[in-house]
Every structure is written in structure tokens, then in C-alpha cells.
Amino acid sequence: MAGKRKGRTMAERTFSDWHSFLSGEKVPVKLEPLATELVVLGEVREIVYYSDKGSPGEYKAYVHEFGSADRRDMPLLLFDRHNGALIVMGGKFKITARGIVG
């Protein structure tokens, strides 16, 4: 089955790799296909998010800066008007157990 690996979904595996503990409550989210036209809002230079990575229930702020000094590899912030979704796309980053890398 697509998205399954070792008895857990890819989302569950990514969650536990990221947080260093197993996911608890699951929140159903209905996702529609992305719109064919996305609005470019600008470059993402940094992102600040709050997570309980490594310590369930203990949230702290994480700041991640994107791109290199020449700004050639900056991700873009896009808006999908159809779904009301903000999307970070492009750039050279990935999500790993260490967090946002790149």
C-alpha cells in the first residue's frame, strides 16, 4: 500500500523521526488537489515554528534560516486560493530527524 512502511504510514514515521516520540492523536484533514494557479507571495528567508520535538508537551521556538548568501536557492511562499493553503516550495531543504536541513 502506498505511503506505508514497516506497519506505520510515512506521516507517522516522519512524525516520530522529527519529534523523537510516537504520534498520538490523529487529526483528519481533507486535502483537495492543489490549484493549477498558485499566488507567489514572496521568498521565505526564515521560518519560526513551535514544536515539542524530543519532549512531549514541552513546546519551544525553533528558527530556521533558508538559502545561501547569494539568495539563489530561496524557497517561495505560495498561496493556494482554492484550498486556503500556504505552501513553502523550492529551495534546497529537506525534513530529517535533525529537523529542517538546508
N, C-alpha and C. Protein backbone atom coordinates (compact mmCIF):
# COMPACT_ATOMS: atom_id res chain seq x y z
N MET A 1 0.84 -1.18 0.00
CA MET A 1 0.00 0.00 0.00
C MET A 1 0.89 1.24 0.00
N ALA A 2 0.60 2.20 -0.86
CA ALA A 2 1.39 3.43 -0.96
C ALA A 2 1.34 4.18 0.35
N GLY A 3 2.51 4.74 0.75
CA GLY A 3 2.57 5.53 1.96
C GLY A 3 2.81 4.71 3.22
N LYS A 4 2.84 3.39 3.12
CA LYS A 4 3.05 2.53 4.29
C LYS A 4 4.48 2.03 4.31
N ARG A 5 5.06 1.98 5.51
CA ARG A 5 6.39 1.43 5.65
C ARG A 5 6.51 0.86 7.05
N LYS A 6 6.85 -0.43 7.16
CA LYS A 6 7.03 -1.10 8.44
C LYS A 6 5.82 -0.93 9.37
N GLY A 7 4.61 -1.05 8.83
CA GLY A 7 3.41 -1.00 9.65
C GLY A 7 2.94 0.40 10.02
N ARG A 8 3.70 1.42 9.71
CA ARG A 8 3.29 2.80 10.00
C ARG A 8 3.22 3.58 8.69
N THR A 9 2.38 4.58 8.67
CA THR A 9 2.32 5.41 7.47
C THR A 9 3.58 6.27 7.40
N MET A 10 3.85 6.81 6.24
CA MET A 10 5.00 7.70 6.09
C MET A 10 4.85 8.93 6.99
N ALA A 11 3.61 9.42 7.16
CA ALA A 11 3.38 10.56 8.04
C ALA A 11 3.73 10.20 9.49
N GLU A 12 3.33 9.02 9.95
CA GLU A 12 3.64 8.59 11.31
C GLU A 12 5.15 8.42 11.50
N ARG A 13 5.80 7.87 10.51
CA ARG A 13 7.25 7.67 10.58
C ARG A 13 7.97 9.02 10.62
N THR A 14 7.56 9.96 9.76
CA THR A 14 8.17 11.28 9.75
C THR A 14 7.94 11.99 11.08
N PHE A 15 6.72 11.86 11.62
CA PHE A 15 6.42 12.47 12.92
C PHE A 15 7.37 11.94 13.99
N SER A 16 7.49 10.61 14.09
CA SER A 16 8.33 10.05 15.15
C SER A 16 9.81 10.34 14.92
N ASP A 17 10.26 10.38 13.67
CA ASP A 17 11.65 10.76 13.39
C ASP A 17 11.89 12.20 13.81
N TRP A 18 10.95 13.07 13.52
CA TRP A 18 11.07 14.51 13.80
C TRP A 18 11.00 14.79 15.30
N HIS A 19 9.98 14.21 15.98
CA HIS A 19 9.73 14.51 17.38
C HIS A 19 10.49 13.63 18.37
N SER A 20 11.00 12.51 17.92
CA SER A 20 11.67 11.52 18.79
C SER A 20 10.69 10.83 19.74
N PHE A 21 9.42 10.80 19.39
CA PHE A 21 8.42 10.00 20.09
C PHE A 21 7.30 9.69 19.11
N LEU A 22 6.50 8.67 19.43
CA LEU A 22 5.43 8.24 18.52
C LEU A 22 4.29 9.25 18.52
N SER A 23 3.62 9.35 17.39
CA SER A 23 2.48 10.25 17.29
C SER A 23 1.34 9.74 18.14
N GLY A 24 0.55 10.65 18.65
CA GLY A 24 -0.61 10.29 19.46
C GLY A 24 -1.87 10.47 18.65
N GLU A 25 -2.61 11.50 19.00
CA GLU A 25 -3.87 11.79 18.33
C GLU A 25 -3.66 12.08 16.85
N LYS A 26 -4.53 11.53 16.06
CA LYS A 26 -4.50 11.80 14.62
C LYS A 26 -5.65 12.75 14.29
N VAL A 27 -5.34 13.75 13.50
CA VAL A 27 -6.34 14.74 13.11
C VAL A 27 -6.63 14.55 11.63
N PRO A 28 -7.87 14.17 11.29
CA PRO A 28 -8.19 14.01 9.87
C PRO A 28 -8.20 15.36 9.17
N VAL A 29 -7.57 15.41 8.02
CA VAL A 29 -7.51 16.63 7.22
C VAL A 29 -7.92 16.26 5.81
N LYS A 30 -8.90 16.98 5.29
CA LYS A 30 -9.33 16.73 3.92
C LYS A 30 -8.51 17.63 3.01
N LEU A 31 -7.74 17.02 2.14
CA LEU A 31 -6.91 17.76 1.21
C LEU A 31 -7.51 17.66 -0.19
N GLU A 32 -7.70 18.80 -0.78
CA GLU A 32 -8.15 18.86 -2.16
C GLU A 32 -6.91 18.94 -3.05
N PRO A 33 -7.04 18.60 -4.31
CA PRO A 33 -5.89 18.78 -5.21
C PRO A 33 -5.48 20.25 -5.23
N LEU A 34 -4.18 20.48 -5.37
CA LEU A 34 -3.69 21.86 -5.43
C LEU A 34 -4.26 22.56 -6.65
N ALA A 35 -4.47 23.85 -6.50
CA ALA A 35 -4.94 24.66 -7.62
C ALA A 35 -3.87 24.66 -8.71
N THR A 36 -4.29 24.86 -9.94
CA THR A 36 -3.33 24.92 -11.03
C THR A 36 -2.61 26.26 -11.06
N GLU A 37 -3.17 27.26 -10.39
CA GLU A 37 -2.52 28.56 -10.30
C GLU A 37 -2.33 28.90 -8.84
N LEU A 38 -1.08 29.09 -8.46
CA LEU A 38 -0.74 29.46 -7.09
C LEU A 38 -0.23 30.90 -7.10
N VAL A 39 -0.54 31.64 -6.06
CA VAL A 39 -0.10 33.03 -5.95
C VAL A 39 1.25 33.04 -5.23
N VAL A 40 2.26 33.63 -5.87
CA VAL A 40 3.58 33.77 -5.24
C VAL A 40 3.52 34.97 -4.31
N LEU A 41 3.72 34.72 -3.00
CA LEU A 41 3.68 35.80 -2.02
C LEU A 41 5.06 36.39 -1.77
N GLY A 42 6.13 35.61 -1.98
CA GLY A 42 7.48 36.11 -1.78
C GLY A 42 8.44 35.00 -1.42
N GLU A 43 9.67 35.39 -1.08
CA GLU A 43 10.71 34.44 -0.68
C GLU A 43 10.58 34.14 0.82
N VAL A 44 10.92 32.93 1.18
CA VAL A 44 10.97 32.56 2.59
C VAL A 44 12.43 32.64 3.01
N ARG A 45 12.76 33.59 3.85
CA ARG A 45 14.14 33.75 4.32
C ARG A 45 14.37 33.03 5.63
N GLU A 46 13.32 32.96 6.45
CA GLU A 46 13.41 32.18 7.68
C GLU A 46 12.00 31.78 8.09
N ILE A 47 11.96 30.76 8.91
CA ILE A 47 10.68 30.29 9.42
C ILE A 47 10.85 30.08 10.92
N VAL A 48 9.85 30.47 11.68
CA VAL A 48 9.83 30.25 13.13
C VAL A 48 8.62 29.37 13.40
N TYR A 49 8.83 28.28 14.13
CA TYR A 49 7.72 27.40 14.46
C TYR A 49 7.91 26.91 15.88
N TYR A 50 6.84 26.44 16.48
CA TYR A 50 6.88 25.93 17.85
C TYR A 50 6.58 24.44 17.78
N SER A 51 7.41 23.66 18.46
CA SER A 51 7.27 22.21 18.42
C SER A 51 7.66 21.62 19.77
N ASP A 52 7.11 20.45 20.05
CA ASP A 52 7.52 19.72 21.24
C ASP A 52 8.48 18.59 20.87
N LYS A 53 9.34 18.88 19.88
CA LYS A 53 10.36 17.93 19.43
C LYS A 53 11.16 17.41 20.62
N GLY A 54 11.18 16.10 20.78
CA GLY A 54 12.01 15.48 21.82
C GLY A 54 11.43 15.52 23.22
N SER A 55 10.43 16.35 23.48
CA SER A 55 9.85 16.48 24.82
C SER A 55 8.35 16.68 24.70
N PRO A 56 7.58 15.60 24.70
CA PRO A 56 6.13 15.73 24.52
C PRO A 56 5.51 16.75 25.48
N GLY A 57 4.76 17.69 24.90
CA GLY A 57 4.07 18.69 25.70
C GLY A 57 4.90 19.90 26.08
N GLU A 58 6.21 19.87 25.82
CA GLU A 58 7.09 21.00 26.14
C GLU A 58 7.48 21.70 24.84
N TYR A 59 6.72 22.71 24.50
CA TYR A 59 6.92 23.42 23.23
C TYR A 59 7.98 24.50 23.37
N LYS A 60 8.80 24.60 22.34
CA LYS A 60 9.76 25.71 22.29
C LYS A 60 9.89 26.18 20.85
N ALA A 61 10.42 27.39 20.70
CA ALA A 61 10.54 28.00 19.39
C ALA A 61 11.78 27.49 18.68
N TYR A 62 11.63 27.25 17.39
CA TYR A 62 12.74 26.89 16.51
C TYR A 62 12.76 27.90 15.37
N VAL A 63 13.95 28.36 15.03
CA VAL A 63 14.13 29.31 13.94
C VAL A 63 15.03 28.66 12.91
N HIS A 64 14.61 28.69 11.65
CA HIS A 64 15.43 28.13 10.58
C HIS A 64 15.57 29.17 9.48
N GLU A 65 16.82 29.47 9.12
CA GLU A 65 17.09 30.39 8.02
C GLU A 65 17.30 29.58 6.75
N PHE A 66 16.78 30.10 5.65
CA PHE A 66 16.88 29.42 4.36
C PHE A 66 17.84 30.15 3.44
N GLY A 67 18.35 29.39 2.49
CA GLY A 67 19.11 29.98 1.39
C GLY A 67 20.55 30.30 1.73
N SER A 68 21.29 30.58 0.69
CA SER A 68 22.69 30.95 0.83
C SER A 68 22.83 32.46 0.75
N ALA A 69 24.03 32.94 0.93
CA ALA A 69 24.29 34.38 0.92
C ALA A 69 23.87 35.03 -0.40
N ASP A 70 24.00 34.31 -1.51
CA ASP A 70 23.64 34.90 -2.81
C ASP A 70 22.14 34.79 -3.11
N ARG A 71 21.38 34.13 -2.23
CA ARG A 71 19.92 34.02 -2.31
C ARG A 71 19.43 33.33 -3.58
N ARG A 72 20.24 32.50 -4.21
CA ARG A 72 19.78 31.81 -5.42
C ARG A 72 18.92 30.60 -5.12
N ASP A 73 18.95 30.13 -3.90
CA ASP A 73 18.22 28.90 -3.57
C ASP A 73 17.16 29.12 -2.49
N MET A 74 16.50 30.27 -2.54
CA MET A 74 15.48 30.59 -1.55
C MET A 74 14.16 29.91 -1.92
N PRO A 75 13.49 29.27 -0.95
CA PRO A 75 12.16 28.75 -1.24
C PRO A 75 11.15 29.90 -1.37
N LEU A 76 10.04 29.61 -2.01
CA LEU A 76 8.99 30.60 -2.19
C LEU A 76 7.81 30.27 -1.29
N LEU A 77 7.11 31.31 -0.85
CA LEU A 77 5.85 31.14 -0.13
C LEU A 77 4.74 31.33 -1.15
N LEU A 78 3.93 30.29 -1.32
CA LEU A 78 2.84 30.30 -2.30
C LEU A 78 1.51 30.21 -1.56
N PHE A 79 0.47 30.73 -2.19
CA PHE A 79 -0.88 30.65 -1.62
C PHE A 79 -1.79 29.98 -2.63
N ASP A 80 -2.50 28.96 -2.17
CA ASP A 80 -3.49 28.26 -2.97
C ASP A 80 -4.85 28.82 -2.58
N ARG A 81 -5.39 29.70 -3.41
CA ARG A 81 -6.67 30.35 -3.11
C ARG A 81 -7.80 29.34 -3.02
N HIS A 82 -7.73 28.27 -3.79
CA HIS A 82 -8.78 27.25 -3.80
C HIS A 82 -8.90 26.56 -2.45
N ASN A 83 -7.77 26.20 -1.85
CA ASN A 83 -7.75 25.45 -0.59
C ASN A 83 -7.44 26.31 0.63
N GLY A 84 -7.03 27.57 0.41
CA GLY A 84 -6.63 28.41 1.54
C GLY A 84 -5.34 27.93 2.18
N ALA A 85 -4.47 27.31 1.39
CA ALA A 85 -3.25 26.71 1.92
C ALA A 85 -2.03 27.58 1.61
N LEU A 86 -1.16 27.73 2.60
CA LEU A 86 0.15 28.32 2.39
C LEU A 86 1.13 27.18 2.11
N ILE A 87 1.99 27.35 1.13
CA ILE A 87 2.90 26.30 0.70
C ILE A 87 4.30 26.87 0.61
N VAL A 88 5.27 26.18 1.21
CA VAL A 88 6.68 26.54 1.03
C VAL A 88 7.22 25.59 -0.02
N MET A 89 7.72 26.15 -1.12
CA MET A 89 8.14 25.31 -2.24
C MET A 89 9.45 25.81 -2.81
N GLY A 90 10.28 24.86 -3.22
CA GLY A 90 11.55 25.22 -3.84
C GLY A 90 12.64 25.33 -2.80
N GLY A 91 13.75 25.86 -3.22
CA GLY A 91 14.89 25.94 -2.31
C GLY A 91 15.56 24.60 -2.15
N LYS A 92 16.59 24.58 -1.36
CA LYS A 92 17.34 23.34 -1.13
C LYS A 92 17.24 22.99 0.35
N PHE A 93 16.13 22.38 0.72
CA PHE A 93 15.96 21.93 2.10
C PHE A 93 15.22 20.61 2.10
N LYS A 94 15.33 19.91 3.21
CA LYS A 94 14.58 18.68 3.39
C LYS A 94 14.26 18.52 4.88
N ILE A 95 13.35 17.66 5.18
CA ILE A 95 12.96 17.37 6.55
C ILE A 95 13.62 16.07 6.96
N THR A 96 14.40 16.12 8.04
CA THR A 96 15.07 14.92 8.55
C THR A 96 14.81 14.81 10.05
N ALA A 97 15.35 13.77 10.68
CA ALA A 97 15.23 13.61 12.12
C ALA A 97 15.87 14.79 12.87
N ARG A 98 16.86 15.45 12.25
CA ARG A 98 17.50 16.62 12.86
C ARG A 98 16.63 17.85 12.76
N GLY A 99 15.66 17.84 11.85
CA GLY A 99 14.80 19.00 11.65
C GLY A 99 14.84 19.43 10.20
N ILE A 100 14.67 20.74 9.98
CA ILE A 100 14.75 21.29 8.63
C ILE A 100 16.22 21.48 8.31
N VAL A 101 16.67 20.86 7.24
CA VAL A 101 18.09 20.89 6.87
C VAL A 101 18.22 21.52 5.49
N GLY A 102 19.14 22.46 5.37
CA GLY A 102 19.43 23.07 4.07
C GLY A 102 19.09 24.53 4.01
